[in-house]
Amino acid sequence: MARAAPSVRATWTRLRDFALGLPEAVEEFPWGDRVAKVRKKIFIFMGEGTGSDATIALKLIGDAHGPALSLPGAKPTAYNLGKAGWVSIPLAAVRAHPELLEEWIELSYRLVAPKRLSATIAP
């Protein structure tokens, strides 16, 4: 029997915990948005995970950018962040694959974290 996909809320909670488990990651609320930062730089915007419209936004460049944008409902992040590689991803479309989102969260982290700090994470 196939396992049911986790709820959007469960996926959001898992991804938040993963992001905040990265070295020196902290949660802040600039502009009323929930974000995770490393050394004062945002690496993930975390929309509230209570509804089917919950999204996250990540900085993705290289091989991850195109596949992320190809997900149902994914789009370049507003406020010109999309021009810098940020992608907004609805959790309802990918909640069955939280491991992929964890990979992308780590990539976003590595793109904004100082190199020495990023190197402390096993490849």
N, C-alpha and C. Protein backbone atom coordinates (compact mmCIF):
# COMPACT_ATOMS: atom_id res chain seq x y z
N MET A 1 0.83 -1.17 0.00
CA MET A 1 0.00 0.00 0.00
C MET A 1 0.89 1.25 0.00
N ALA A 2 0.55 2.23 -0.83
CA ALA A 2 1.33 3.46 -0.92
C ALA A 2 1.09 4.33 0.30
N ARG A 3 2.16 4.96 0.75
CA ARG A 3 2.06 5.86 1.88
C ARG A 3 1.47 7.19 1.44
N ALA A 4 0.61 7.76 2.25
CA ALA A 4 0.03 9.06 1.94
C ALA A 4 1.08 10.14 2.09
N ALA A 5 0.99 11.16 1.26
CA ALA A 5 1.91 12.29 1.37
C ALA A 5 1.64 13.02 2.68
N PRO A 6 2.68 13.56 3.30
CA PRO A 6 2.48 14.30 4.55
C PRO A 6 1.64 15.55 4.29
N SER A 7 1.03 16.05 5.32
CA SER A 7 0.23 17.28 5.19
C SER A 7 1.16 18.45 4.89
N VAL A 8 0.58 19.52 4.39
CA VAL A 8 1.36 20.72 4.14
C VAL A 8 1.97 21.22 5.45
N ARG A 9 1.20 21.17 6.52
CA ARG A 9 1.70 21.63 7.82
C ARG A 9 2.89 20.80 8.28
N ALA A 10 2.79 19.47 8.13
CA ALA A 10 3.89 18.59 8.54
C ALA A 10 5.14 18.85 7.69
N THR A 11 4.94 19.08 6.40
CA THR A 11 6.07 19.37 5.52
C THR A 11 6.71 20.70 5.91
N TRP A 12 5.88 21.72 6.15
CA TRP A 12 6.39 23.03 6.54
C TRP A 12 7.21 22.92 7.83
N THR A 13 6.68 22.19 8.81
CA THR A 13 7.38 22.03 10.09
C THR A 13 8.71 21.33 9.89
N ARG A 14 8.73 20.29 9.07
CA ARG A 14 9.97 19.56 8.80
C ARG A 14 11.00 20.48 8.15
N LEU A 15 10.57 21.27 7.17
CA LEU A 15 11.50 22.13 6.46
C LEU A 15 12.01 23.27 7.35
N ARG A 16 11.14 23.82 8.19
CA ARG A 16 11.56 24.85 9.13
C ARG A 16 12.61 24.30 10.09
N ASP A 17 12.34 23.12 10.64
CA ASP A 17 13.29 22.49 11.56
C ASP A 17 14.63 22.22 10.86
N PHE A 18 14.56 21.77 9.62
CA PHE A 18 15.78 21.49 8.86
C PHE A 18 16.58 22.79 8.67
N ALA A 19 15.91 23.84 8.22
CA ALA A 19 16.59 25.12 7.97
C ALA A 19 17.23 25.66 9.24
N LEU A 20 16.51 25.60 10.34
CA LEU A 20 17.03 26.14 11.59
C LEU A 20 18.09 25.24 12.22
N GLY A 21 18.24 24.03 11.71
CA GLY A 21 19.27 23.12 12.18
C GLY A 21 20.61 23.33 11.50
N LEU A 22 20.66 24.17 10.48
CA LEU A 22 21.91 24.45 9.79
C LEU A 22 22.78 25.37 10.66
N PRO A 23 24.09 25.29 10.50
CA PRO A 23 25.00 26.07 11.37
C PRO A 23 24.68 27.56 11.40
N GLU A 24 24.51 28.08 12.61
CA GLU A 24 24.27 29.49 12.88
C GLU A 24 22.97 30.03 12.29
N ALA A 25 22.05 29.17 11.89
CA ALA A 25 20.77 29.63 11.34
C ALA A 25 19.90 30.16 12.47
N VAL A 26 19.23 31.27 12.20
CA VAL A 26 18.32 31.87 13.16
C VAL A 26 17.03 32.25 12.46
N GLU A 27 15.95 32.26 13.23
CA GLU A 27 14.65 32.65 12.69
C GLU A 27 14.39 34.11 13.08
N GLU A 28 13.95 34.89 12.10
CA GLU A 28 13.60 36.29 12.33
C GLU A 28 12.32 36.61 11.58
N PHE A 29 11.78 37.81 11.85
CA PHE A 29 10.50 38.20 11.27
C PHE A 29 10.56 39.61 10.68
N PRO A 30 11.46 39.85 9.71
CA PRO A 30 11.51 41.18 9.09
C PRO A 30 10.27 41.40 8.22
N TRP A 31 9.76 42.58 8.20
CA TRP A 31 8.60 42.95 7.38
C TRP A 31 7.38 42.06 7.68
N GLY A 32 7.38 41.39 8.82
CA GLY A 32 6.28 40.50 9.16
C GLY A 32 6.40 39.12 8.53
N ASP A 33 7.47 38.88 7.77
CA ASP A 33 7.69 37.57 7.14
C ASP A 33 8.55 36.71 8.04
N ARG A 34 8.30 35.41 8.03
CA ARG A 34 9.15 34.46 8.77
C ARG A 34 10.28 34.05 7.82
N VAL A 35 11.51 34.23 8.28
CA VAL A 35 12.68 33.88 7.48
C VAL A 35 13.69 33.14 8.33
N ALA A 36 14.59 32.44 7.66
CA ALA A 36 15.77 31.89 8.32
C ALA A 36 16.96 32.62 7.72
N LYS A 37 17.86 33.03 8.62
CA LYS A 37 19.05 33.77 8.21
C LYS A 37 20.30 33.07 8.72
N VAL A 38 21.38 33.32 8.02
CA VAL A 38 22.70 32.93 8.49
C VAL A 38 23.56 34.19 8.41
N ARG A 39 24.11 34.58 9.54
CA ARG A 39 24.93 35.79 9.63
C ARG A 39 24.27 36.99 8.96
N LYS A 40 23.03 37.21 9.32
CA LYS A 40 22.22 38.36 8.89
C LYS A 40 21.77 38.31 7.44
N LYS A 41 21.97 37.18 6.74
CA LYS A 41 21.54 37.05 5.35
C LYS A 41 20.44 36.00 5.26
N ILE A 42 19.35 36.35 4.61
CA ILE A 42 18.22 35.44 4.46
C ILE A 42 18.57 34.34 3.47
N PHE A 43 18.26 33.10 3.85
CA PHE A 43 18.42 31.99 2.89
C PHE A 43 17.10 31.28 2.61
N ILE A 44 16.05 31.57 3.38
CA ILE A 44 14.74 31.02 3.08
C ILE A 44 13.65 31.91 3.67
N PHE A 45 12.65 32.19 2.86
CA PHE A 45 11.42 32.82 3.32
C PHE A 45 10.46 31.66 3.57
N MET A 46 9.85 31.62 4.75
CA MET A 46 8.96 30.52 5.11
C MET A 46 7.56 31.05 5.36
N GLY A 47 6.69 30.97 4.34
CA GLY A 47 5.30 31.35 4.55
C GLY A 47 4.71 30.43 5.61
N GLU A 48 3.68 30.87 6.28
CA GLU A 48 3.05 30.03 7.31
C GLU A 48 2.59 28.72 6.69
N GLY A 49 2.76 27.64 7.39
CA GLY A 49 2.48 26.31 6.88
C GLY A 49 1.13 25.76 7.24
N THR A 50 0.16 26.62 7.49
CA THR A 50 -1.14 26.12 7.95
C THR A 50 -2.11 25.81 6.84
N GLY A 51 -1.91 26.32 5.65
CA GLY A 51 -2.89 26.13 4.59
C GLY A 51 -2.29 25.60 3.32
N SER A 52 -3.17 25.28 2.38
CA SER A 52 -2.71 24.71 1.11
C SER A 52 -1.99 25.76 0.26
N ASP A 53 -2.06 27.03 0.63
CA ASP A 53 -1.38 28.07 -0.12
C ASP A 53 0.00 28.40 0.45
N ALA A 54 0.49 27.60 1.39
CA ALA A 54 1.81 27.84 2.00
C ALA A 54 2.91 27.72 0.96
N THR A 55 3.87 28.63 1.04
CA THR A 55 5.01 28.60 0.12
C THR A 55 6.30 28.83 0.89
N ILE A 56 7.38 28.47 0.24
CA ILE A 56 8.70 28.86 0.70
C ILE A 56 9.38 29.53 -0.48
N ALA A 57 10.37 30.35 -0.21
CA ALA A 57 11.15 30.96 -1.27
C ALA A 57 12.63 30.73 -0.95
N LEU A 58 13.34 30.29 -1.98
CA LEU A 58 14.75 29.92 -1.83
C LEU A 58 15.58 30.57 -2.92
N LYS A 59 16.84 30.83 -2.62
CA LYS A 59 17.77 31.29 -3.64
C LYS A 59 18.36 30.05 -4.29
N LEU A 60 18.07 29.88 -5.56
CA LEU A 60 18.55 28.70 -6.29
C LEU A 60 19.16 29.14 -7.61
N ILE A 61 20.39 28.77 -7.82
CA ILE A 61 21.03 29.03 -9.10
C ILE A 61 21.65 27.73 -9.58
N GLY A 62 22.05 27.71 -10.82
CA GLY A 62 22.67 26.50 -11.36
C GLY A 62 21.64 25.43 -11.68
N ASP A 63 22.01 24.18 -11.42
CA ASP A 63 21.20 23.04 -11.82
C ASP A 63 19.85 22.95 -11.12
N ALA A 64 19.66 23.59 -10.00
CA ALA A 64 18.40 23.49 -9.26
C ALA A 64 17.36 24.51 -9.71
N HIS A 65 17.79 25.59 -10.31
CA HIS A 65 16.87 26.69 -10.63
C HIS A 65 15.77 26.26 -11.61
N GLY A 66 16.14 25.69 -12.72
CA GLY A 66 15.16 25.26 -13.73
C GLY A 66 14.17 24.23 -13.20
N PRO A 67 14.65 23.15 -12.57
CA PRO A 67 13.71 22.17 -12.02
C PRO A 67 12.77 22.77 -10.98
N ALA A 68 13.25 23.69 -10.17
CA ALA A 68 12.38 24.31 -9.17
C ALA A 68 11.28 25.12 -9.85
N LEU A 69 11.64 25.86 -10.88
CA LEU A 69 10.64 26.66 -11.59
C LEU A 69 9.65 25.80 -12.37
N SER A 70 10.02 24.56 -12.66
CA SER A 70 9.11 23.68 -13.41
C SER A 70 8.05 23.03 -12.53
N LEU A 71 8.16 23.17 -11.22
CA LEU A 71 7.16 22.60 -10.32
C LEU A 71 5.83 23.33 -10.47
N PRO A 72 4.72 22.62 -10.30
CA PRO A 72 3.40 23.27 -10.41
C PRO A 72 3.27 24.44 -9.44
N GLY A 73 2.96 25.61 -9.97
CA GLY A 73 2.76 26.79 -9.14
C GLY A 73 4.01 27.56 -8.76
N ALA A 74 5.19 27.02 -9.06
CA ALA A 74 6.44 27.71 -8.72
C ALA A 74 6.62 28.91 -9.64
N LYS A 75 7.25 29.95 -9.11
CA LYS A 75 7.47 31.16 -9.91
C LYS A 75 8.62 31.95 -9.32
N PRO A 76 9.19 32.85 -10.12
CA PRO A 76 10.23 33.72 -9.57
C PRO A 76 9.64 34.54 -8.41
N THR A 77 10.41 34.71 -7.37
CA THR A 77 9.94 35.44 -6.19
C THR A 77 9.75 36.92 -6.53
N ALA A 78 8.72 37.51 -5.94
CA ALA A 78 8.37 38.91 -6.18
C ALA A 78 9.44 39.86 -5.66
N TYR A 79 9.19 41.14 -5.83
CA TYR A 79 10.06 42.22 -5.36
C TYR A 79 11.46 42.13 -5.97
N ASN A 80 11.51 41.70 -7.22
CA ASN A 80 12.77 41.59 -7.97
C ASN A 80 13.74 40.58 -7.40
N LEU A 81 13.34 39.79 -6.41
CA LEU A 81 14.21 38.73 -5.91
C LEU A 81 14.39 37.64 -6.96
N GLY A 82 13.36 37.44 -7.79
CA GLY A 82 13.44 36.44 -8.85
C GLY A 82 14.60 36.68 -9.79
N LYS A 83 14.94 37.95 -10.01
CA LYS A 83 16.06 38.28 -10.89
C LYS A 83 17.39 37.80 -10.31
N ALA A 84 17.43 37.61 -8.99
CA ALA A 84 18.66 37.14 -8.33
C ALA A 84 18.63 35.64 -8.09
N GLY A 85 17.65 34.94 -8.70
CA GLY A 85 17.61 33.49 -8.59
C GLY A 85 16.64 32.94 -7.56
N TRP A 86 15.89 33.80 -6.87
CA TRP A 86 14.94 33.34 -5.85
C TRP A 86 13.70 32.75 -6.52
N VAL A 87 13.26 31.61 -5.99
CA VAL A 87 12.09 30.90 -6.51
C VAL A 87 11.10 30.66 -5.37
N SER A 88 9.83 31.00 -5.61
CA SER A 88 8.76 30.71 -4.64
C SER A 88 8.11 29.39 -5.04
N ILE A 89 8.01 28.49 -4.07
CA ILE A 89 7.54 27.13 -4.33
C ILE A 89 6.37 26.82 -3.40
N PRO A 90 5.20 26.49 -3.96
CA PRO A 90 4.07 26.10 -3.11
C PRO A 90 4.31 24.71 -2.51
N LEU A 91 4.13 24.59 -1.21
CA LEU A 91 4.40 23.32 -0.55
C LEU A 91 3.42 22.23 -0.95
N ALA A 92 2.21 22.58 -1.29
CA ALA A 92 1.22 21.57 -1.66
C ALA A 92 1.68 20.77 -2.88
N ALA A 93 2.44 21.42 -3.77
CA ALA A 93 2.89 20.75 -4.99
C ALA A 93 4.02 19.76 -4.75
N VAL A 94 4.75 19.91 -3.65
CA VAL A 94 5.94 19.08 -3.45
C VAL A 94 6.00 18.43 -2.07
N ARG A 95 4.91 18.44 -1.35
CA ARG A 95 4.95 17.92 0.02
C ARG A 95 5.31 16.44 0.10
N ALA A 96 5.14 15.72 -1.00
CA ALA A 96 5.49 14.30 -1.02
C ALA A 96 7.00 14.09 -1.16
N HIS A 97 7.74 15.17 -1.41
CA HIS A 97 9.19 15.06 -1.63
C HIS A 97 9.96 16.05 -0.76
N PRO A 98 9.81 15.99 0.56
CA PRO A 98 10.51 16.96 1.41
C PRO A 98 12.03 16.85 1.33
N GLU A 99 12.54 15.67 0.97
CA GLU A 99 14.00 15.51 0.86
C GLU A 99 14.57 16.44 -0.22
N LEU A 100 13.84 16.58 -1.33
CA LEU A 100 14.29 17.46 -2.41
C LEU A 100 14.33 18.90 -1.91
N LEU A 101 13.30 19.30 -1.20
CA LEU A 101 13.28 20.66 -0.66
C LEU A 101 14.39 20.88 0.36
N GLU A 102 14.71 19.87 1.14
CA GLU A 102 15.83 19.98 2.09
C GLU A 102 17.14 20.19 1.34
N GLU A 103 17.32 19.50 0.23
CA GLU A 103 18.52 19.69 -0.60
C GLU A 103 18.60 21.13 -1.09
N TRP A 104 17.46 21.65 -1.53
CA TRP A 104 17.43 23.01 -2.05
C TRP A 104 17.61 24.04 -0.94
N ILE A 105 17.09 23.77 0.26
CA ILE A 105 17.31 24.67 1.39
C ILE A 105 18.81 24.73 1.70
N GLU A 106 19.45 23.58 1.69
CA GLU A 106 20.89 23.55 1.94
C GLU A 106 21.65 24.30 0.86
N LEU A 107 21.23 24.16 -0.39
CA LEU A 107 21.87 24.90 -1.48
C LEU A 107 21.70 26.40 -1.28
N SER A 108 20.50 26.83 -0.95
CA SER A 108 20.24 28.25 -0.71
C SER A 108 21.12 28.75 0.44
N TYR A 109 21.21 27.96 1.49
CA TYR A 109 22.07 28.29 2.63
C TYR A 109 23.52 28.46 2.16
N ARG A 110 24.02 27.51 1.39
CA ARG A 110 25.41 27.55 0.93
C ARG A 110 25.67 28.77 0.04
N LEU A 111 24.63 29.22 -0.69
CA LEU A 111 24.79 30.38 -1.56
C LEU A 111 24.92 31.69 -0.79
N VAL A 112 24.38 31.76 0.42
CA VAL A 112 24.44 33.02 1.17
C VAL A 112 25.38 32.96 2.38
N ALA A 113 25.67 31.78 2.88
CA ALA A 113 26.54 31.65 4.05
C ALA A 113 28.00 31.90 3.67
N PRO A 114 28.80 32.39 4.60
CA PRO A 114 30.22 32.49 4.33
C PRO A 114 30.79 31.11 3.97
N LYS A 115 31.75 31.08 3.10
CA LYS A 115 32.33 29.82 2.61
C LYS A 115 32.84 28.93 3.74
N ARG A 116 33.51 29.51 4.72
CA ARG A 116 34.06 28.71 5.82
C ARG A 116 32.95 28.05 6.64
N LEU A 117 31.86 28.76 6.83
CA LEU A 117 30.74 28.21 7.57
C LEU A 117 30.03 27.14 6.75
N SER A 118 29.85 27.41 5.49
CA SER A 118 29.22 26.46 4.58
C SER A 118 30.01 25.15 4.51
N ALA A 119 31.33 25.25 4.61
CA ALA A 119 32.20 24.08 4.53
C ALA A 119 32.04 23.16 5.73
N THR A 120 31.41 23.63 6.80
CA THR A 120 31.22 22.78 7.97
C THR A 120 30.11 21.75 7.79
N ILE A 121 29.34 21.88 6.72
CA ILE A 121 28.27 20.92 6.43
C ILE A 121 28.86 19.82 5.55
N ALA A 122 28.61 18.59 5.90
CA ALA A 122 29.09 17.48 5.09
C ALA A 122 28.45 17.53 3.71
N PRO A 123 29.23 17.24 2.65
CA PRO A 123 28.68 17.27 1.29
C PRO A 123 27.65 16.21 1.04
